[in-house]
Each structure stands twice: as C-alpha cells, then as structure tokens.
Amino acid sequence: MSQGDIYAVLSGFFWSFSVILMRVSGFTIPPIPLTFFKSFVAILCFFIASTWLGESLVPSLSGNAWMRLCISGVLGITLADTLIASALNRLGASMHALADCIYAPSMVVVGFIMFGERLTGWEIFGGTLVISGVLIGMGLSA
C-alpha cells in the first residue's frame, strides 16, 4: 500500500468523522456560529502547523492571487460550510450523503461533455460501489 493510498483512506475517514461531528453539533449549535467556530479552529491549526514546520504565515502573492484567495475562502469556506451545516440539520447525515454522492457523477458528466474525458471500467465499478454503499446505508438507517 502506497503513501497516497493511505492518505486517500484517511481523507475519507476524517471527512466522514467531521460530517458526523457537524451533524451532532448541529443539534445544539446553529449553522452560522458552527461555521465560525470551525473556521476559528482551522485557522488556529493552520498557524500552529505553519509555525511548527517553519513556514511563513503570510506567503508572498500578487494582489490578484490574494483577491482570488479571499473570494475563494469566503465562497468556499464561509458560504459553502454554512450551507453544508444547514443541509445536515435539515436532511440528516444519510440524506446528505446521498446528495453529496451526486457531486462526483455530475463532475464526470461535465468532464465528458466539456473535455471528452472517459472513465475506465474500474472507475465505473468503484463509483457504482460507492453509490451502492450509500444507498444501502440509507436503507439501513431508515
């Protein structure tokens, strides 16, 4: 097993763990305060990791790059995470997982239409397994 394989599995594990934590905390904390708290913890961890690794806290970027980074942060983190927390509160974790599974197939369709990308048999098989697992999980939790 390669280092990349380990990181891929850990990424899925930590993402599912964070969704469960967001769902449980959503019972008592509304989405906007939850997003602010999560962002504060992420910024704190970023500063600790950067300092520990000896990296610069403020990279030297062009004005255009800073603008794009700020817009991406506001849209991608603040708005999107608030909407995810709200969806978890309204839908529950299993329905949210189903909605989340729609993202990857839609990107495959866009890649096929816009760029002519093709999937291998193994990729189709893997995608089918993931979506089947979510559907089975939803059936068990209902």
N, C-alpha and C. Protein backbone atom coordinates (compact mmCIF):
# COMPACT_ATOMS: atom_id res chain seq x y z
N MET A 1 0.85 -1.17 0.00
CA MET A 1 0.00 0.00 0.00
C MET A 1 0.90 1.24 0.00
N SER A 2 0.64 2.13 -0.94
CA SER A 2 1.49 3.33 -1.05
C SER A 2 1.04 4.40 -0.06
N GLN A 3 1.87 5.40 0.09
CA GLN A 3 1.57 6.52 0.97
C GLN A 3 0.31 7.25 0.48
N GLY A 4 0.16 7.38 -0.84
CA GLY A 4 -1.03 8.02 -1.40
C GLY A 4 -2.30 7.26 -1.07
N ASP A 5 -2.23 5.92 -1.11
CA ASP A 5 -3.39 5.10 -0.75
C ASP A 5 -3.80 5.33 0.71
N ILE A 6 -2.81 5.40 1.57
CA ILE A 6 -3.08 5.62 3.00
C ILE A 6 -3.74 6.98 3.19
N TYR A 7 -3.20 8.01 2.54
CA TYR A 7 -3.78 9.35 2.67
C TYR A 7 -5.19 9.42 2.10
N ALA A 8 -5.46 8.68 1.01
CA ALA A 8 -6.80 8.66 0.43
C ALA A 8 -7.80 8.04 1.40
N VAL A 9 -7.42 6.95 2.04
CA VAL A 9 -8.31 6.31 3.01
C VAL A 9 -8.50 7.21 4.23
N LEU A 10 -7.42 7.80 4.71
CA LEU A 10 -7.52 8.70 5.86
C LEU A 10 -8.38 9.92 5.55
N SER A 11 -8.29 10.43 4.32
CA SER A 11 -9.10 11.56 3.92
C SER A 11 -10.59 11.23 4.02
N GLY A 12 -10.97 10.08 3.50
CA GLY A 12 -12.36 9.65 3.60
C GLY A 12 -12.80 9.44 5.03
N PHE A 13 -11.92 8.86 5.85
CA PHE A 13 -12.24 8.63 7.25
C PHE A 13 -12.46 9.96 7.98
N PHE A 14 -11.53 10.90 7.81
CA PHE A 14 -11.67 12.18 8.51
C PHE A 14 -12.85 13.00 8.00
N TRP A 15 -13.15 12.89 6.70
CA TRP A 15 -14.31 13.60 6.18
C TRP A 15 -15.59 13.03 6.80
N SER A 16 -15.73 11.72 6.85
CA SER A 16 -16.93 11.13 7.44
C SER A 16 -17.02 11.45 8.93
N PHE A 17 -15.89 11.45 9.60
CA PHE A 17 -15.86 11.80 11.02
C PHE A 17 -16.30 13.26 11.22
N SER A 18 -15.83 14.15 10.36
CA SER A 18 -16.21 15.57 10.50
C SER A 18 -17.68 15.78 10.19
N VAL A 19 -18.23 15.03 9.23
CA VAL A 19 -19.67 15.15 8.93
C VAL A 19 -20.48 14.70 10.14
N ILE A 20 -20.06 13.62 10.79
CA ILE A 20 -20.77 13.16 11.98
C ILE A 20 -20.68 14.20 13.09
N LEU A 21 -19.49 14.77 13.29
CA LEU A 21 -19.35 15.81 14.32
C LEU A 21 -20.20 17.03 14.01
N MET A 22 -20.24 17.43 12.73
CA MET A 22 -21.07 18.58 12.36
C MET A 22 -22.55 18.27 12.57
N ARG A 23 -22.95 17.05 12.28
CA ARG A 23 -24.36 16.67 12.47
C ARG A 23 -24.73 16.69 13.95
N VAL A 24 -23.89 16.10 14.78
CA VAL A 24 -24.17 16.04 16.21
C VAL A 24 -24.16 17.44 16.82
N SER A 25 -23.18 18.25 16.45
CA SER A 25 -23.13 19.61 16.99
C SER A 25 -24.26 20.47 16.45
N GLY A 26 -24.79 20.12 15.27
CA GLY A 26 -25.90 20.86 14.69
C GLY A 26 -27.19 20.73 15.48
N PHE A 27 -27.27 19.74 16.39
CA PHE A 27 -28.45 19.61 17.24
C PHE A 27 -28.56 20.78 18.20
N THR A 28 -27.43 21.36 18.59
CA THR A 28 -27.47 22.43 19.59
C THR A 28 -26.90 23.76 19.08
N ILE A 29 -26.11 23.73 18.01
CA ILE A 29 -25.48 24.96 17.51
C ILE A 29 -26.01 25.25 16.11
N PRO A 30 -26.53 26.46 15.87
CA PRO A 30 -27.00 26.81 14.52
C PRO A 30 -25.84 26.85 13.51
N PRO A 31 -26.12 26.76 12.21
CA PRO A 31 -25.07 26.67 11.18
C PRO A 31 -24.06 27.82 11.16
N ILE A 32 -24.50 29.06 11.32
CA ILE A 32 -23.56 30.18 11.21
C ILE A 32 -22.55 30.19 12.36
N PRO A 33 -22.98 30.09 13.64
CA PRO A 33 -21.97 30.00 14.71
C PRO A 33 -21.07 28.77 14.58
N LEU A 34 -21.64 27.66 14.11
CA LEU A 34 -20.84 26.46 13.93
C LEU A 34 -19.74 26.68 12.89
N THR A 35 -20.07 27.38 11.81
CA THR A 35 -19.09 27.69 10.78
C THR A 35 -18.00 28.61 11.32
N PHE A 36 -18.37 29.62 12.10
CA PHE A 36 -17.37 30.50 12.69
C PHE A 36 -16.44 29.73 13.63
N PHE A 37 -17.00 28.85 14.45
CA PHE A 37 -16.18 28.07 15.36
C PHE A 37 -15.23 27.15 14.59
N LYS A 38 -15.77 26.45 13.59
CA LYS A 38 -14.95 25.53 12.79
C LYS A 38 -13.84 26.29 12.07
N SER A 39 -14.16 27.46 11.55
CA SER A 39 -13.14 28.27 10.86
C SER A 39 -12.07 28.75 11.84
N PHE A 40 -12.48 29.12 13.04
CA PHE A 40 -11.51 29.56 14.06
C PHE A 40 -10.56 28.42 14.40
N VAL A 41 -11.09 27.22 14.59
CA VAL A 41 -10.25 26.06 14.91
C VAL A 41 -9.30 25.76 13.74
N ALA A 42 -9.81 25.86 12.50
CA ALA A 42 -8.97 25.60 11.33
C ALA A 42 -7.83 26.63 11.23
N ILE A 43 -8.14 27.90 11.47
CA ILE A 43 -7.11 28.95 11.43
C ILE A 43 -6.06 28.72 12.52
N LEU A 44 -6.51 28.37 13.70
CA LEU A 44 -5.60 28.09 14.80
C LEU A 44 -4.67 26.92 14.45
N CYS A 45 -5.24 25.84 13.89
CA CYS A 45 -4.43 24.69 13.49
C CYS A 45 -3.45 25.05 12.37
N PHE A 46 -3.89 25.92 11.45
CA PHE A 46 -3.02 26.38 10.37
C PHE A 46 -1.81 27.12 10.94
N PHE A 47 -2.05 28.04 11.87
CA PHE A 47 -0.95 28.80 12.46
C PHE A 47 0.00 27.90 13.24
N ILE A 48 -0.55 26.95 13.98
CA ILE A 48 0.31 26.03 14.73
C ILE A 48 1.15 25.18 13.78
N ALA A 49 0.53 24.63 12.74
CA ALA A 49 1.26 23.78 11.79
C ALA A 49 2.31 24.59 11.02
N SER A 50 1.95 25.81 10.59
CA SER A 50 2.90 26.64 9.86
C SER A 50 4.11 26.99 10.72
N THR A 51 3.85 27.34 11.96
CA THR A 51 4.94 27.68 12.87
C THR A 51 5.81 26.45 13.15
N TRP A 52 5.19 25.32 13.38
CA TRP A 52 5.91 24.09 13.67
C TRP A 52 6.78 23.66 12.49
N LEU A 53 6.28 23.85 11.27
CA LEU A 53 7.04 23.47 10.07
C LEU A 53 8.01 24.55 9.62
N GLY A 54 7.97 25.72 10.27
CA GLY A 54 8.88 26.81 9.91
C GLY A 54 8.48 27.52 8.63
N GLU A 55 7.22 27.44 8.27
CA GLU A 55 6.73 28.11 7.06
C GLU A 55 6.30 29.53 7.37
N SER A 56 6.29 30.36 6.35
CA SER A 56 5.84 31.73 6.51
C SER A 56 4.33 31.75 6.71
N LEU A 57 3.87 32.57 7.65
CA LEU A 57 2.43 32.68 7.89
C LEU A 57 1.72 33.46 6.79
N VAL A 58 2.44 34.37 6.15
CA VAL A 58 1.87 35.18 5.08
C VAL A 58 2.72 34.98 3.83
N PRO A 59 2.23 34.19 2.87
CA PRO A 59 3.01 33.96 1.65
C PRO A 59 3.07 35.20 0.78
N SER A 60 4.11 35.30 -0.01
CA SER A 60 4.22 36.44 -0.92
C SER A 60 3.46 36.10 -2.20
N LEU A 61 2.31 36.72 -2.36
CA LEU A 61 1.46 36.51 -3.52
C LEU A 61 1.17 37.85 -4.18
N SER A 62 0.79 37.78 -5.44
CA SER A 62 0.40 39.01 -6.13
C SER A 62 -0.96 39.48 -5.61
N GLY A 63 -1.29 40.72 -5.91
CA GLY A 63 -2.59 41.26 -5.50
C GLY A 63 -3.74 40.47 -6.08
N ASN A 64 -3.61 40.05 -7.33
CA ASN A 64 -4.64 39.26 -7.98
C ASN A 64 -4.80 37.90 -7.29
N ALA A 65 -3.70 37.28 -6.91
CA ALA A 65 -3.76 35.99 -6.23
C ALA A 65 -4.41 36.13 -4.85
N TRP A 66 -4.09 37.21 -4.13
CA TRP A 66 -4.71 37.45 -2.83
C TRP A 66 -6.21 37.65 -2.98
N MET A 67 -6.62 38.40 -4.00
CA MET A 67 -8.04 38.64 -4.23
C MET A 67 -8.77 37.32 -4.51
N ARG A 68 -8.20 36.50 -5.38
CA ARG A 68 -8.81 35.21 -5.70
C ARG A 68 -8.85 34.30 -4.49
N LEU A 69 -7.80 34.33 -3.68
CA LEU A 69 -7.75 33.52 -2.47
C LEU A 69 -8.84 33.95 -1.48
N CYS A 70 -9.01 35.25 -1.30
CA CYS A 70 -10.03 35.76 -0.38
C CYS A 70 -11.44 35.42 -0.87
N ILE A 71 -11.70 35.60 -2.15
CA ILE A 71 -13.02 35.27 -2.70
C ILE A 71 -13.29 33.78 -2.55
N SER A 72 -12.28 32.97 -2.85
CA SER A 72 -12.41 31.52 -2.70
C SER A 72 -12.69 31.14 -1.25
N GLY A 73 -12.01 31.79 -0.33
CA GLY A 73 -12.23 31.50 1.09
C GLY A 73 -13.62 31.87 1.54
N VAL A 74 -14.09 33.03 1.11
CA VAL A 74 -15.43 33.45 1.52
C VAL A 74 -16.49 32.54 0.93
N LEU A 75 -16.38 32.26 -0.37
CA LEU A 75 -17.39 31.41 -1.02
C LEU A 75 -17.24 29.95 -0.62
N GLY A 76 -16.01 29.46 -0.66
CA GLY A 76 -15.79 28.03 -0.46
C GLY A 76 -15.86 27.58 0.98
N ILE A 77 -15.47 28.43 1.88
CA ILE A 77 -15.45 28.02 3.28
C ILE A 77 -16.64 28.60 4.03
N THR A 78 -16.77 29.91 4.02
CA THR A 78 -17.83 30.52 4.80
C THR A 78 -19.21 30.15 4.29
N LEU A 79 -19.48 30.41 3.04
CA LEU A 79 -20.81 30.15 2.49
C LEU A 79 -21.08 28.66 2.35
N ALA A 80 -20.17 27.93 1.73
CA ALA A 80 -20.41 26.51 1.49
C ALA A 80 -20.51 25.71 2.78
N ASP A 81 -19.65 25.97 3.75
CA ASP A 81 -19.71 25.22 5.01
C ASP A 81 -20.98 25.54 5.80
N THR A 82 -21.44 26.78 5.73
CA THR A 82 -22.70 27.14 6.38
C THR A 82 -23.86 26.40 5.73
N LEU A 83 -23.84 26.31 4.40
CA LEU A 83 -24.89 25.58 3.70
C LEU A 83 -24.83 24.09 3.99
N ILE A 84 -23.62 23.54 4.11
CA ILE A 84 -23.48 22.12 4.45
C ILE A 84 -24.03 21.85 5.85
N ALA A 85 -23.70 22.71 6.81
CA ALA A 85 -24.21 22.54 8.17
C ALA A 85 -25.73 22.65 8.19
N SER A 86 -26.26 23.58 7.43
CA SER A 86 -27.72 23.73 7.35
C SER A 86 -28.37 22.51 6.71
N ALA A 87 -27.76 21.99 5.65
CA ALA A 87 -28.30 20.79 5.00
C ALA A 87 -28.26 19.60 5.94
N LEU A 88 -27.18 19.46 6.70
CA LEU A 88 -27.10 18.36 7.66
C LEU A 88 -28.21 18.46 8.70
N ASN A 89 -28.50 19.67 9.16
CA ASN A 89 -29.56 19.85 10.14
C ASN A 89 -30.92 19.51 9.55
N ARG A 90 -31.13 19.86 8.29
CA ARG A 90 -32.44 19.64 7.67
C ARG A 90 -32.61 18.21 7.15
N LEU A 91 -31.57 17.65 6.53
CA LEU A 91 -31.69 16.36 5.87
C LEU A 91 -31.27 15.18 6.73
N GLY A 92 -30.32 15.40 7.61
CA GLY A 92 -29.72 14.29 8.33
C GLY A 92 -28.50 13.79 7.56
N ALA A 93 -27.68 13.00 8.21
CA ALA A 93 -26.41 12.58 7.62
C ALA A 93 -26.61 11.64 6.42
N SER A 94 -27.58 10.73 6.49
CA SER A 94 -27.73 9.77 5.40
C SER A 94 -28.25 10.43 4.12
N MET A 95 -29.23 11.32 4.23
CA MET A 95 -29.73 12.01 3.04
C MET A 95 -28.67 12.99 2.50
N HIS A 96 -27.90 13.58 3.41
CA HIS A 96 -26.82 14.47 2.98
C HIS A 96 -25.77 13.68 2.21
N ALA A 97 -25.48 12.47 2.65
CA ALA A 97 -24.50 11.62 1.96
C ALA A 97 -24.98 11.30 0.54
N LEU A 98 -26.28 11.05 0.39
CA LEU A 98 -26.81 10.79 -0.94
C LEU A 98 -26.66 12.03 -1.83
N ALA A 99 -27.02 13.18 -1.30
CA ALA A 99 -26.86 14.42 -2.08
C ALA A 99 -25.40 14.67 -2.41
N ASP A 100 -24.51 14.36 -1.49
CA ASP A 100 -23.08 14.54 -1.72
C ASP A 100 -22.57 13.59 -2.81
N CYS A 101 -23.17 12.41 -2.89
CA CYS A 101 -22.76 11.44 -3.92
C CYS A 101 -23.16 11.89 -5.33
N ILE A 102 -24.08 12.80 -5.44
CA ILE A 102 -24.48 13.30 -6.76
C ILE A 102 -23.38 14.17 -7.36
N TYR A 103 -22.55 14.77 -6.51
CA TYR A 103 -21.50 15.67 -6.97
C TYR A 103 -20.51 14.99 -7.92
N ALA A 104 -19.95 13.86 -7.51
CA ALA A 104 -18.93 13.20 -8.32
C ALA A 104 -19.46 12.75 -9.68
N PRO A 105 -20.63 12.08 -9.76
CA PRO A 105 -21.13 11.72 -11.09
C PRO A 105 -21.42 12.93 -11.97
N SER A 106 -21.87 14.02 -11.36
CA SER A 106 -22.13 15.21 -12.18
C SER A 106 -20.82 15.78 -12.74
N MET A 107 -19.73 15.69 -11.98
CA MET A 107 -18.44 16.15 -12.48
C MET A 107 -17.94 15.24 -13.61
N VAL A 108 -18.27 13.96 -13.53
CA VAL A 108 -17.91 13.03 -14.60
C VAL A 108 -18.64 13.41 -15.88
N VAL A 109 -19.93 13.72 -15.76
CA VAL A 109 -20.72 14.12 -16.93
C VAL A 109 -20.18 15.41 -17.53
N VAL A 110 -19.86 16.39 -16.67
CA VAL A 110 -19.31 17.66 -17.16
C VAL A 110 -17.96 17.42 -17.83
N GLY A 111 -17.12 16.58 -17.23
CA GLY A 111 -15.82 16.26 -17.84
C GLY A 111 -15.97 15.58 -19.19
N PHE A 112 -16.98 14.72 -19.32
CA PHE A 112 -17.23 14.04 -20.59
C PHE A 112 -17.72 15.04 -21.64
N ILE A 113 -18.68 15.89 -21.27
CA ILE A 113 -19.25 16.84 -22.23
C ILE A 113 -18.24 17.91 -22.64
N MET A 114 -17.56 18.50 -21.65
CA MET A 114 -16.69 19.64 -21.95
C MET A 114 -15.30 19.23 -22.43
N PHE A 115 -14.76 18.12 -21.90
CA PHE A 115 -13.37 17.78 -22.18
C PHE A 115 -13.18 16.44 -22.87
N GLY A 116 -14.26 15.71 -23.10
CA GLY A 116 -14.16 14.42 -23.75
C GLY A 116 -13.48 13.36 -22.90
N GLU A 117 -13.50 13.52 -21.58
CA GLU A 117 -12.86 12.54 -20.69
C GLU A 117 -13.65 11.24 -20.67
N ARG A 118 -12.95 10.15 -20.51
CA ARG A 118 -13.57 8.82 -20.46
C ARG A 118 -13.18 8.12 -19.16
N LEU A 119 -14.08 7.30 -18.64
CA LEU A 119 -13.79 6.51 -17.45
C LEU A 119 -13.39 5.09 -17.84
N THR A 120 -12.51 4.52 -17.02
CA THR A 120 -12.15 3.11 -17.23
C THR A 120 -13.21 2.24 -16.55
N GLY A 121 -13.17 0.98 -16.84
CA GLY A 121 -14.10 0.04 -16.22
C GLY A 121 -13.97 0.01 -14.71
N TRP A 122 -12.73 0.07 -14.22
CA TRP A 122 -12.50 0.07 -12.76
C TRP A 122 -13.08 1.31 -12.10
N GLU A 123 -12.98 2.45 -12.76
CA GLU A 123 -13.53 3.69 -12.19
C GLU A 123 -15.06 3.62 -12.13
N ILE A 124 -15.67 3.07 -13.16
CA ILE A 124 -17.13 2.91 -13.15
C ILE A 124 -17.54 1.92 -12.06
N PHE A 125 -16.79 0.83 -11.93
CA PHE A 125 -17.06 -0.15 -10.90
C PHE A 125 -16.94 0.46 -9.50
N GLY A 126 -15.88 1.22 -9.26
CA GLY A 126 -15.67 1.86 -7.97
C GLY A 126 -16.77 2.86 -7.64
N GLY A 127 -17.16 3.66 -8.63
CA GLY A 127 -18.24 4.62 -8.42
C GLY A 127 -19.56 3.93 -8.09
N THR A 128 -19.81 2.82 -8.77
CA THR A 128 -21.02 2.05 -8.50
C THR A 128 -21.01 1.49 -7.08
N LEU A 129 -19.86 1.03 -6.63
CA LEU A 129 -19.74 0.52 -5.26
C LEU A 129 -20.02 1.61 -4.23
N VAL A 130 -19.47 2.80 -4.46
CA VAL A 130 -19.66 3.89 -3.50
C VAL A 130 -21.13 4.28 -3.42
N ILE A 131 -21.75 4.49 -4.57
CA ILE A 131 -23.16 4.90 -4.57
C ILE A 131 -24.04 3.78 -4.00
N SER A 132 -23.73 2.53 -4.31
CA SER A 132 -24.49 1.40 -3.75
C SER A 132 -24.35 1.36 -2.23
N GLY A 133 -23.15 1.60 -1.74
CA GLY A 133 -22.93 1.61 -0.30
C GLY A 133 -23.75 2.69 0.40
N VAL A 134 -23.82 3.85 -0.20
CA VAL A 134 -24.61 4.93 0.39
C VAL A 134 -26.10 4.56 0.38
N LEU A 135 -26.58 4.01 -0.73
CA LEU A 135 -27.98 3.63 -0.81
C LEU A 135 -28.32 2.54 0.21
N ILE A 136 -27.42 1.57 0.38
CA ILE A 136 -27.63 0.51 1.38
C ILE A 136 -27.63 1.12 2.77
N GLY A 137 -26.68 2.01 3.03
CA GLY A 137 -26.63 2.67 4.34
C GLY A 137 -27.87 3.48 4.64
N MET A 138 -28.40 4.15 3.62
CA MET A 138 -29.63 4.92 3.81
C MET A 138 -30.80 3.99 4.12
N GLY A 139 -30.83 2.84 3.44
CA GLY A 139 -31.91 1.89 3.69
C GLY A 139 -31.85 1.32 5.08
N LEU A 140 -30.65 1.10 5.60
CA LEU A 140 -30.48 0.54 6.95
C LEU A 140 -30.83 1.56 8.02
N SER A 141 -30.60 2.86 7.72
CA SER A 141 -30.86 3.88 8.74
C SER A 141 -32.30 4.34 8.74
N ALA A 142 -33.07 3.98 7.72
CA ALA A 142 -34.47 4.45 7.64
C ALA A 142 -35.40 3.64 8.50
